Amino acid sequence: MWTVTARRTCRAGGPHGHLKTTTFSGALPLIGMTAPSVYDDAMNGSVFHAYVEQVLVPTLSEGDIVVMDKPACPQGRRDSRRD
């Protein structure tokens, strides 16, 4: 991989061959990291819903507040969403 910064070229190492996407999700309450999950691909709607139902919800206590950020999705990669 080549990057150009301040008119200098810097060569950085990267994976050889095909590139792979790994998605990490987790919750960050005041007590520390909880509900960690690693998915070996880009996250889609069905994977997200399974994470929320099977991993995140069991770690929540009464009165907890959940804030979710919707990351940008590349064109053509949007999955069905429940509104």
Protein backbone atom coordinates (compact mmCIF):
# COMPACT_ATOMS: atom_id res chain seq x y z
CA MET A 1 0.00 0.00 0.00
CA TRP A 2 1.35 3.41 -0.92
CA THR A 3 0.45 6.64 0.83
CA VAL A 4 1.66 10.13 0.01
CA THR A 5 2.21 12.58 2.86
CA ALA A 6 4.03 15.92 2.59
CA ARG A 7 5.43 15.00 -0.84
CA ARG A 8 7.06 11.83 0.45
CA THR A 9 6.09 8.32 -0.47
CA CYS A 10 5.82 5.82 2.34
CA ARG A 11 5.52 2.10 1.76
CA ALA A 12 3.46 0.29 4.37
CA GLY A 13 2.90 -3.41 4.75
CA GLY A 14 -0.50 -4.93 4.19
CA PRO A 15 -2.07 -8.32 3.63
CA HIS A 16 -0.87 -10.17 0.56
CA GLY A 17 -3.52 -11.61 -1.69
CA HIS A 18 -7.20 -10.98 -1.15
CA LEU A 19 -8.40 -8.44 1.37
CA LYS A 20 -10.88 -9.45 4.03
CA THR A 21 -13.31 -7.36 6.09
CA THR A 22 -13.72 -8.06 9.80
CA THR A 23 -16.34 -6.20 11.83
CA PHE A 24 -16.00 -5.64 15.58
CA SER A 25 -18.97 -4.50 17.67
CA GLY A 26 -19.22 -3.89 21.38
CA ALA A 27 -20.72 -1.82 24.15
CA LEU A 28 -18.75 0.67 26.20
CA PRO A 29 -20.42 1.41 29.55
CA LEU A 30 -18.64 3.13 32.42
CA ILE A 31 -17.54 -0.23 33.86
CA GLY A 32 -15.59 -1.23 30.75
CA MET A 33 -16.06 -3.07 27.48
CA THR A 34 -19.02 -5.49 27.30
CA ALA A 35 -20.90 -7.42 24.61
CA PRO A 36 -17.92 -7.88 22.27
CA SER A 37 -18.57 -9.53 18.92
CA VAL A 38 -16.38 -10.18 15.88
CA TYR A 39 -17.94 -10.95 12.50
CA ASP A 40 -15.80 -12.19 9.63
CA ASP A 41 -17.36 -9.95 6.94
CA ALA A 42 -19.14 -6.61 6.61
CA MET A 43 -22.09 -6.32 8.98
CA ASN A 44 -25.53 -6.40 7.40
CA GLY A 45 -29.03 -6.00 8.84
CA SER A 46 -29.56 -9.63 9.82
CA VAL A 47 -26.16 -9.86 11.54
CA PHE A 48 -26.83 -6.58 13.36
CA HIS A 49 -30.23 -7.74 14.61
CA ALA A 50 -28.77 -11.06 15.77
CA TYR A 51 -26.00 -9.17 17.63
CA VAL A 52 -28.50 -6.90 19.37
CA GLU A 53 -30.87 -9.72 20.36
CA GLN A 54 -28.32 -12.40 21.30
CA VAL A 55 -25.29 -10.46 22.57
CA LEU A 56 -26.15 -6.87 23.51
CA VAL A 57 -29.59 -7.17 25.15
CA PRO A 58 -28.53 -9.82 27.71
CA THR A 59 -25.83 -7.43 29.02
CA LEU A 60 -28.23 -4.53 29.59
CA SER A 61 -29.69 -3.60 32.96
CA GLU A 62 -32.84 -1.66 33.73
CA GLY A 63 -32.28 2.05 33.11
CA ASP A 64 -29.37 1.56 30.66
CA ILE A 65 -29.37 3.92 27.70
CA VAL A 66 -28.27 2.62 24.29
CA VAL A 67 -26.97 5.02 21.63
CA MET A 68 -26.37 3.54 18.18
CA ASP A 69 -24.51 5.16 15.32
CA LYS A 70 -25.51 4.30 11.78
CA PRO A 71 -22.30 4.06 9.76
CA ALA A 72 -22.26 4.95 6.08
CA CYS A 73 -23.07 2.01 3.81
CA PRO A 74 -21.40 1.72 0.41
CA GLN A 75 -23.82 1.89 -2.52
CA GLY A 76 -25.26 -1.51 -3.37
CA ARG A 77 -24.41 -3.02 0.02
CA ARG A 78 -27.50 -1.87 1.93
CA ASP A 79 -29.48 -4.60 3.61
CA SER A 80 -33.15 -4.53 4.52
CA ARG A 81 -33.74 -2.53 7.67
CA ARG A 82 -36.58 -2.60 10.13
CA ASP A 83 -37.88 0.88 10.95
